[in-house]
Protein backbone atom coordinates (compact mmCIF):
# COMPACT_ATOMS: atom_id res chain seq x y z
CA MET A 1 10.95 20.45 -17.08
CA GLN A 2 7.43 19.27 -19.05
CA GLU A 3 8.91 15.36 -19.36
CA THR A 4 9.44 15.74 -15.80
CA ILE A 5 5.91 16.77 -15.21
CA GLN A 6 4.56 13.99 -17.70
CA ASN A 7 6.28 11.21 -15.92
CA LEU A 8 5.28 12.44 -12.59
CA ARG A 9 1.70 12.62 -14.20
CA ALA A 10 1.43 9.41 -15.36
CA ARG A 11 2.33 8.27 -12.09
CA ILE A 12 -0.43 9.72 -10.26
CA ASP A 13 -2.83 7.86 -13.34
CA ALA A 14 -1.07 4.28 -12.01
CA LEU A 15 -1.88 5.47 -7.84
CA ASN A 16 -4.69 5.44 -9.26
CA LEU A 17 -5.94 2.83 -10.72
CA GLN A 18 -3.99 1.23 -7.74
CA LEU A 19 -6.11 3.37 -5.49
CA LEU A 20 -9.62 1.82 -6.79
CA ALA A 21 -7.91 -1.55 -6.99
CA LEU A 22 -7.34 -1.23 -3.42
CA LEU A 23 -10.74 0.35 -2.83
CA SER A 24 -12.56 -2.14 -4.62
CA GLU A 25 -11.30 -4.85 -2.74
CA ARG A 26 -12.11 -3.01 -0.05
CA ALA A 27 -15.63 -2.57 -0.63
CA ALA A 28 -16.06 -5.72 -1.47
CA VAL A 29 -14.55 -7.42 1.70
CA ALA A 30 -16.99 -5.08 3.21
CA GLU A 31 -19.87 -6.17 1.43
CA GLU A 32 -18.87 -9.85 2.70
CA ILE A 33 -19.08 -8.46 6.01
CA GLY A 34 -22.55 -6.96 5.63
CA ARG A 35 -23.83 -9.92 4.33
CA LEU A 36 -22.94 -12.15 7.74
CA GLN A 37 -24.30 -9.47 10.08
CA THR A 38 -27.50 -9.48 8.16
CA ALA A 39 -27.40 -13.33 8.41
CA LEU A 40 -26.49 -12.59 12.56
CA GLY A 41 -28.80 -9.80 13.07
CA MET A 42 -26.50 -7.67 13.74
CA PRO A 43 -26.07 -3.78 13.27
CA HIS A 44 -23.93 -2.49 10.07
CA TYR A 45 -22.71 0.48 11.47
CA ASP A 46 -20.22 -0.61 14.69
CA PRO A 47 -18.85 3.52 16.08
CA VAL A 48 -16.64 1.56 18.17
CA ARG A 49 -15.39 -0.27 15.15
CA GLU A 50 -15.57 3.47 13.53
CA ALA A 51 -13.47 4.73 16.37
CA GLN A 52 -10.35 2.37 16.76
CA MET A 53 -9.79 2.39 12.41
CA LEU A 54 -9.55 6.34 12.84
CA GLU A 55 -7.50 5.75 15.80
CA ALA A 56 -5.17 3.36 13.88
CA LEU A 57 -5.40 5.51 10.97
CA THR A 58 -4.61 8.56 12.87
CA ALA A 59 -1.05 7.09 15.03
CA ALA A 60 -0.03 5.63 11.45
CA ASN A 61 0.25 9.25 9.22
CA ARG A 62 3.36 10.28 8.46
CA GLY A 63 2.14 13.18 6.70
CA PRO A 64 1.84 15.21 4.10
CA PHE A 65 -1.85 15.00 5.08
CA SER A 66 -2.98 16.22 8.28
CA ASP A 67 -4.65 13.55 11.11
CA GLU A 68 -8.26 15.97 10.18
CA THR A 69 -7.69 15.39 6.64
CA VAL A 70 -7.09 11.57 7.04
CA LYS A 71 -10.01 11.54 9.03
CA GLY A 72 -12.49 12.97 6.34
CA LEU A 73 -10.90 10.82 3.40
CA PHE A 74 -11.34 7.39 5.40
CA LYS A 75 -14.70 8.46 6.99
CA ALA A 76 -16.10 9.55 2.88
CA ILE A 77 -14.38 5.89 2.44
CA PHE A 78 -16.32 3.90 5.35
CA GLN A 79 -19.84 6.21 4.81
CA ALA A 80 -19.93 5.29 1.14
CA SER A 81 -19.06 1.36 1.95
CA MET A 82 -22.21 2.13 4.30
CA GLN A 83 -24.18 2.60 1.43
CA LEU A 84 -23.39 -0.09 -0.66
CA GLU A 85 -23.92 -2.62 2.34
CA GLN A 86 -27.90 -1.03 2.69
CA GLU A 87 -27.97 -1.01 -1.01
CA SER A 88 -27.10 -4.93 -0.92
CA ASP A 89 -29.44 -5.49 1.60
CA LYS A 90 -32.16 -4.46 -0.65
CA VAL A 91 -34.99 -6.16 -2.25
CA LYS A 92 -34.61 -6.59 -6.16
CA TYR A 93 -37.97 -5.32 -6.60
CA LEU A 94 -39.09 -6.60 -10.39
CA THR A 95 -41.69 -3.38 -10.95
CA SER A 96 -38.35 -1.37 -10.15
CA ARG A 97 -36.59 0.08 -13.31
CA GLN A 98 -32.97 -1.15 -10.85
CA THR A 99 -34.43 -4.40 -12.06
CA ARG A 100 -35.33 -3.83 -15.40
CA ARG A 101 -34.26 -0.23 -16.92
CA GLU A 102 -36.33 -0.22 -20.26
CA ASP A 103 -40.66 0.27 -21.06
CA THR A 104 -42.68 -3.08 -21.03
CA VAL A 105 -44.52 -2.95 -23.58
CA VAL A 106 -47.34 -5.23 -23.72
CA LYS A 107 -48.80 -6.26 -26.80
CA LEU A 108 -52.89 -6.35 -26.69
CA GLY A 109 -53.45 -8.57 -30.32
CA ASP A 110 -52.55 -5.33 -32.70
CA VAL A 111 -52.33 -2.85 -29.83
CA VAL A 112 -48.92 -2.12 -28.20
CA LEU A 113 -49.18 -0.04 -25.70
CA GLY A 114 -46.28 1.36 -23.54
CA SER A 115 -42.91 3.07 -24.27
CA HIS A 116 -42.53 5.82 -26.85
CA HIS A 117 -45.83 4.01 -28.65
CA ALA A 118 -49.57 6.18 -29.39
CA PRO A 119 -51.43 6.64 -26.02
CA VAL A 120 -53.76 3.65 -26.24
CA LEU A 121 -57.60 4.24 -25.84
CA VAL A 122 -60.17 2.58 -23.81
CA ALA A 123 -63.70 2.99 -23.83
CA GLY A 124 -66.79 1.15 -22.65
CA PRO A 125 -69.90 0.88 -20.15
CA CYS A 126 -69.25 0.82 -17.31
CA SER A 127 -71.20 -2.06 -16.60
CA ILE A 128 -72.65 -4.49 -19.25
CA GLU A 129 -76.60 -4.72 -18.69
CA SER A 130 -78.02 -6.42 -22.20
CA HIS A 131 -77.56 -7.32 -25.40
CA GLU A 132 -78.77 -4.36 -27.41
CA GLN A 133 -76.57 -2.22 -24.89
CA VAL A 134 -73.36 -3.62 -25.37
CA GLU A 135 -73.67 -4.38 -28.93
CA ALA A 136 -74.50 -0.36 -29.76
CA ALA A 137 -71.77 0.30 -27.46
CA ALA A 138 -68.80 -1.95 -29.03
CA ALA A 139 -69.96 -0.72 -32.51
CA PHE A 140 -70.20 2.83 -32.06
CA VAL A 141 -66.60 2.79 -29.63
CA ALA A 142 -65.22 0.69 -32.56
CA SER A 143 -66.53 2.23 -35.63
CA ARG A 144 -64.17 5.53 -33.36
CA GLY A 145 -61.09 4.18 -34.18
CA VAL A 146 -60.75 2.44 -30.19
CA LYS A 147 -59.06 -1.14 -29.92
CA LEU A 148 -59.70 -1.63 -27.09
CA PHE A 149 -63.49 -2.22 -24.97
CA ARG A 150 -64.02 -1.85 -21.13
CA GLY A 151 -67.44 -3.34 -19.82
CA GLY A 152 -67.60 -4.52 -16.07
CA ALA A 153 -70.28 -7.87 -15.86
CA PHE A 154 -68.83 -8.46 -11.53
CA LYS A 155 -69.55 -5.80 -10.59
CA PRO A 156 -68.13 -4.51 -6.86
CA ARG A 157 -70.70 -1.66 -5.52
CA THR A 158 -70.51 0.29 -1.76
CA ASP A 159 -75.05 -0.85 -1.85
CA PRO A 160 -75.32 -4.27 -1.91
CA TYR A 161 -79.10 -3.46 -3.38
CA SER A 162 -77.29 -2.02 -6.25
CA PHE A 163 -76.58 -3.35 -9.70
CA GLN A 164 -74.18 -6.16 -9.34
CA GLY A 165 -73.49 -7.22 -12.60
CA LEU A 166 -74.62 -10.05 -15.04
CA GLY A 167 -71.82 -12.44 -14.16
CA GLU A 168 -71.07 -15.11 -16.73
CA GLN A 169 -73.85 -13.68 -19.11
CA GLY A 170 -72.30 -10.70 -18.70
CA LEU A 171 -68.97 -11.91 -19.66
CA ARG A 172 -70.49 -13.77 -22.56
CA LEU A 173 -72.26 -10.33 -23.72
CA GLY A 174 -69.40 -9.01 -23.53
CA ARG A 175 -66.96 -11.14 -25.81
CA GLU A 176 -69.24 -11.75 -28.20
CA ALA A 177 -69.90 -7.32 -29.01
CA CYS A 178 -66.29 -7.68 -28.79
CA ASP A 179 -65.43 -10.38 -31.43
CA ARG A 180 -68.12 -8.78 -33.58
CA HIS A 181 -66.59 -5.92 -34.21
CA GLY A 182 -62.88 -6.81 -33.76
CA LEU A 183 -61.88 -5.24 -30.57
CA LEU A 184 -60.33 -6.35 -27.29
CA PHE A 185 -62.19 -6.97 -24.19
CA ILE A 186 -60.72 -5.58 -21.06
CA SER A 187 -63.32 -6.61 -17.80
CA GLU A 188 -62.87 -6.44 -14.09
CA ILE A 189 -62.53 -9.95 -12.52
CA MET A 190 -63.14 -9.81 -8.48
CA ASP A 191 -62.65 -13.50 -6.86
CA ALA A 192 -60.14 -15.73 -7.31
CA CYS A 193 -62.26 -18.42 -8.37
CA ASP A 194 -64.09 -16.73 -11.11
CA LEU A 195 -60.40 -16.97 -12.71
CA PRO A 196 -61.39 -19.70 -15.67
CA LEU A 197 -64.23 -17.58 -16.45
CA PHE A 198 -62.15 -14.82 -17.37
CA LEU A 199 -59.58 -16.70 -18.99
CA GLU A 200 -61.76 -18.10 -21.51
CA TYR A 201 -63.96 -14.67 -22.11
CA ALA A 202 -61.62 -12.10 -21.56
CA ASP A 203 -58.65 -10.24 -22.64
CA VAL A 204 -57.65 -8.33 -20.02
CA LEU A 205 -58.67 -9.21 -16.96
CA GLN A 206 -58.80 -5.80 -14.57
CA ILE A 207 -57.99 -6.12 -10.92
CA GLY A 208 -60.30 -3.03 -9.31
CA ALA A 209 -59.48 0.04 -6.70
CA ARG A 210 -61.38 -2.66 -3.82
CA ASN A 211 -59.13 -5.07 -4.28
CA MET A 212 -56.08 -4.04 -4.98
CA GLN A 213 -54.62 -5.68 -2.16
CA ASN A 214 -56.75 -8.58 -2.20
CA PHE A 215 -53.55 -10.75 -1.84
CA THR A 216 -55.32 -14.25 -2.84
CA LEU A 217 -56.66 -12.47 -5.84
CA LEU A 218 -53.32 -10.69 -6.91
CA ARG A 219 -51.39 -13.93 -7.02
CA ALA A 220 -53.77 -16.13 -9.17
CA VAL A 221 -53.97 -13.63 -11.72
CA GLY A 222 -50.30 -13.65 -12.05
CA ARG A 223 -49.86 -16.87 -12.33
CA ALA A 224 -52.08 -16.66 -15.30
CA ASN A 225 -51.49 -16.05 -19.25
CA LYS A 226 -53.61 -13.09 -19.02
CA PRO A 227 -52.27 -9.20 -19.24
CA VAL A 228 -53.81 -7.55 -16.11
CA LEU A 229 -54.54 -4.14 -15.63
CA LEU A 230 -54.33 -3.10 -11.66
CA LYS A 231 -56.02 -0.30 -10.77
CA ARG A 232 -54.73 1.99 -7.74
CA GLY A 233 -56.61 1.43 -4.63
CA LEU A 234 -58.74 4.38 -3.21
CA SER A 235 -56.81 5.30 -0.40
CA ALA A 236 -53.78 3.63 -1.28
CA THR A 237 -50.60 5.00 -1.75
CA ILE A 238 -48.05 4.81 -4.59
CA GLU A 239 -45.98 2.46 -2.57
CA GLU A 240 -48.67 -0.06 -1.53
CA TRP A 241 -49.69 0.11 -5.65
CA LEU A 242 -46.50 -1.23 -6.51
CA MET A 243 -46.00 -3.45 -4.46
CA ALA A 244 -49.45 -4.97 -5.29
CA ALA A 245 -48.08 -5.05 -9.36
CA GLU A 246 -45.17 -7.20 -6.90
CA TYR A 247 -47.07 -9.74 -5.99
CA LEU A 248 -48.47 -9.86 -10.18
CA LEU A 249 -44.50 -10.22 -11.82
CA SER A 250 -43.54 -11.86 -8.64
CA GLU A 251 -45.85 -14.98 -9.76
CA GLY A 252 -44.62 -14.86 -13.40
CA ASN A 253 -46.49 -12.43 -15.23
CA THR A 254 -44.89 -9.74 -17.34
CA ASN A 255 -47.86 -8.08 -19.17
CA VAL A 256 -48.80 -5.30 -16.09
CA ILE A 257 -50.48 -2.80 -16.43
CA LEU A 258 -51.02 0.36 -14.03
CA CYS A 259 -53.73 2.18 -14.27
CA GLU A 260 -54.45 5.52 -11.84
CA ARG A 261 -58.12 6.09 -11.00
CA GLY A 262 -58.12 9.28 -8.60
CA ILE A 263 -57.59 8.46 -4.71
CA ARG A 264 -60.04 9.37 -2.03
CA THR A 265 -58.89 12.78 -0.40
CA PHE A 266 -61.13 15.54 1.14
CA GLU A 267 -62.40 17.03 -1.76
CA ARG A 268 -65.90 17.12 -2.68
CA TYR A 269 -66.54 18.91 -6.01
CA THR A 270 -64.80 15.46 -7.59
CA ARG A 271 -66.01 11.76 -7.16
CA ASN A 272 -61.92 11.17 -6.59
CA THR A 273 -58.75 13.67 -7.03
CA LEU A 274 -56.73 12.46 -9.80
CA ASP A 275 -53.09 12.11 -8.37
CA VAL A 276 -50.67 13.04 -12.28
CA SER A 277 -47.77 13.47 -9.76
CA ALA A 278 -48.38 9.56 -9.11
CA VAL A 279 -48.88 9.15 -13.10
CA ALA A 280 -45.54 10.69 -13.23
CA LEU A 281 -43.74 8.72 -10.65
CA ALA A 282 -45.09 5.33 -11.69
CA LYS A 283 -43.47 6.15 -14.93
CA GLN A 284 -40.43 7.12 -13.77
CA GLU A 285 -40.09 4.50 -10.87
CA THR A 286 -41.29 1.53 -12.62
CA HIS A 287 -40.79 -0.01 -16.21
CA LEU A 288 -44.61 -0.61 -16.03
CA PRO A 289 -47.16 1.28 -18.34
CA VAL A 290 -49.68 3.26 -17.14
CA LEU A 291 -52.60 4.00 -18.22
CA VAL A 292 -55.05 6.50 -16.38
CA ASP A 293 -59.05 6.08 -15.93
CA VAL A 294 -60.60 9.77 -16.05
CA THR A 295 -63.98 8.72 -15.88
CA HIS A 296 -63.00 7.82 -12.30
CA SER A 297 -61.00 9.95 -11.28
CA GLY A 298 -63.50 13.09 -11.23
CA GLY A 299 -66.49 11.62 -11.14
CA ARG A 300 -67.61 14.14 -14.04
CA ARG A 301 -68.17 14.58 -17.70
CA ASP A 302 -67.70 18.21 -18.11
CA LEU A 303 -64.14 17.20 -16.96
CA LEU A 304 -62.90 14.89 -18.82
CA VAL A 305 -61.34 16.15 -21.46
CA PRO A 306 -58.78 18.08 -19.56
CA LEU A 307 -58.21 15.42 -17.42
CA THR A 308 -57.12 13.74 -20.31
CA LYS A 309 -54.64 16.04 -21.59
CA ALA A 310 -52.86 16.59 -17.79
CA GLY A 311 -52.80 12.80 -17.74
CA LEU A 312 -51.20 12.30 -21.02
CA ALA A 313 -49.60 15.58 -20.81
CA VAL A 314 -47.49 13.67 -17.78
CA GLY A 315 -46.29 10.47 -19.70
CA ALA A 316 -49.43 8.21 -19.35
CA ASP A 317 -49.63 5.27 -22.31
CA GLY A 318 -53.35 5.01 -22.55
CA ILE A 319 -56.72 6.90 -21.21
CA MET A 320 -59.94 4.78 -19.96
CA VAL A 321 -63.42 6.52 -20.45
CA GLU A 322 -66.91 4.56 -20.10
CA VAL A 323 -69.21 4.96 -22.83
CA HIS A 324 -73.05 4.57 -22.42
CA PRO A 325 -75.56 4.23 -25.54
CA ASN A 326 -77.62 6.73 -22.76
CA PRO A 327 -76.18 7.87 -19.78
CA ALA A 328 -79.68 8.78 -18.09
CA VAL A 329 -81.11 4.91 -17.56
CA ALA A 330 -77.22 3.34 -16.74
CA LEU A 331 -77.44 0.70 -14.28
CA SER A 332 -74.49 2.13 -12.54
CA ASP A 333 -72.21 5.13 -13.24
CA ASN A 334 -74.81 7.32 -14.97
CA LYS A 335 -73.47 10.84 -13.95
CA GLN A 336 -70.10 10.20 -15.88
CA GLN A 337 -70.25 8.32 -18.48
CA MET A 338 -70.72 9.29 -21.94
CA ASP A 339 -73.34 8.91 -24.65
CA PHE A 340 -71.85 8.93 -28.42
CA ASP A 341 -73.12 12.55 -29.07
CA ALA A 342 -70.39 13.36 -25.92
CA PHE A 343 -67.41 11.34 -26.89
CA ASP A 344 -67.63 12.39 -30.76
CA ARG A 345 -67.13 15.95 -28.94
CA TYR A 346 -64.54 13.86 -26.52
CA LEU A 347 -62.60 12.58 -29.37
CA GLU A 348 -62.15 15.82 -31.09
CA GLU A 349 -61.26 18.16 -28.06
CA THR A 350 -58.65 15.75 -26.70
CA GLY A 351 -57.27 14.93 -30.35
CA TYR A 352 -57.46 11.67 -30.02
CA HIS A 353 -59.04 10.65 -33.50
CA LYS A 354 -55.11 11.93 -34.05
CA LYS A 355 -53.57 10.10 -31.54
CA LEU A 356 -54.40 6.43 -32.19
CA SER A 357 -52.95 6.69 -35.50
CA GLN A 358 -49.91 8.03 -34.31
CA LYS A 359 -46.30 7.43 -32.12
CA ARG A 360 -46.22 9.00 -28.59
CA HIS A 361 -42.99 11.76 -30.29
CA GLU A 362 -45.29 12.80 -33.06
CA VAL A 363 -47.95 13.28 -30.73
CA TYR A 364 -46.20 15.36 -27.56
CA GLY A 365 -42.74 15.07 -29.01
CA PHE A 366 -41.12 13.07 -26.61
């Protein structure tokens, strides 16, 4: 009796494999039909055709399953085939983890950004204003272990009469200060025409929030052989942000870093609203490293520490902050930049003086 059961089970196993092979063959045929329907502009779902198939199956049914059971089984097969056809029609986006499962790691000199590596810190003034200012800022942040220096030379400002940056002179001053203190230079590019200047002076090209959907700029920077830091637009959805990154990757640039910098909401207590869910989603949906600009997110010095902790807690690969020798006289964003004493307190309260030399799993356990 036991031997008979084993023999019958072996037969079941063989039938299972035959059914799987037939289902796989059917799925391949359904996919081909779907491709042809797409090419012809036809809808994939045909209720008349489905009814005809079910009618033929129930007419051929000789048991032991009831007609309703047969219909239920084949409806499940039809639905699975339809989902397969829809998946095959989807564009395989380069930003997606469906295309690349492992994390992208961006190497900036001896700084490694992404995956399990220690969270980085980007620090520097909002705008490069003078030789003395950028020299003091670069020397200070370098002395605190920072490797990535931010400084704007071309500034997109709401008020056309406000300080717009020093342009090429600002890039040159930033490059010289970074070279003197062993820093990598990140600066915002606003116009594709300025790309040759940025390729000469900057280590990382930043595309700011207001230019996130400047597609001409995205394509030009995507063709450049430089890492890119892409900030999320002021009112951009996560999908729009990722599609902007897709422009960069589609042009061949694989060293793309996303940056959440807060979005515009109805809230007035803060300059913007930090969307921590966007950080977690970007890490989940894409393989790209993600930074959080906590300075622009809140626009308040008193929120920098908790926003930093929140960003890192949801998986950010690093933080961007603004540091100025004397924020009170800064030519842009003077209310949100830290002076040197405040930056030292920030490093202590966030524990960043330790994080800069440790791996992610040593800091967070993941």
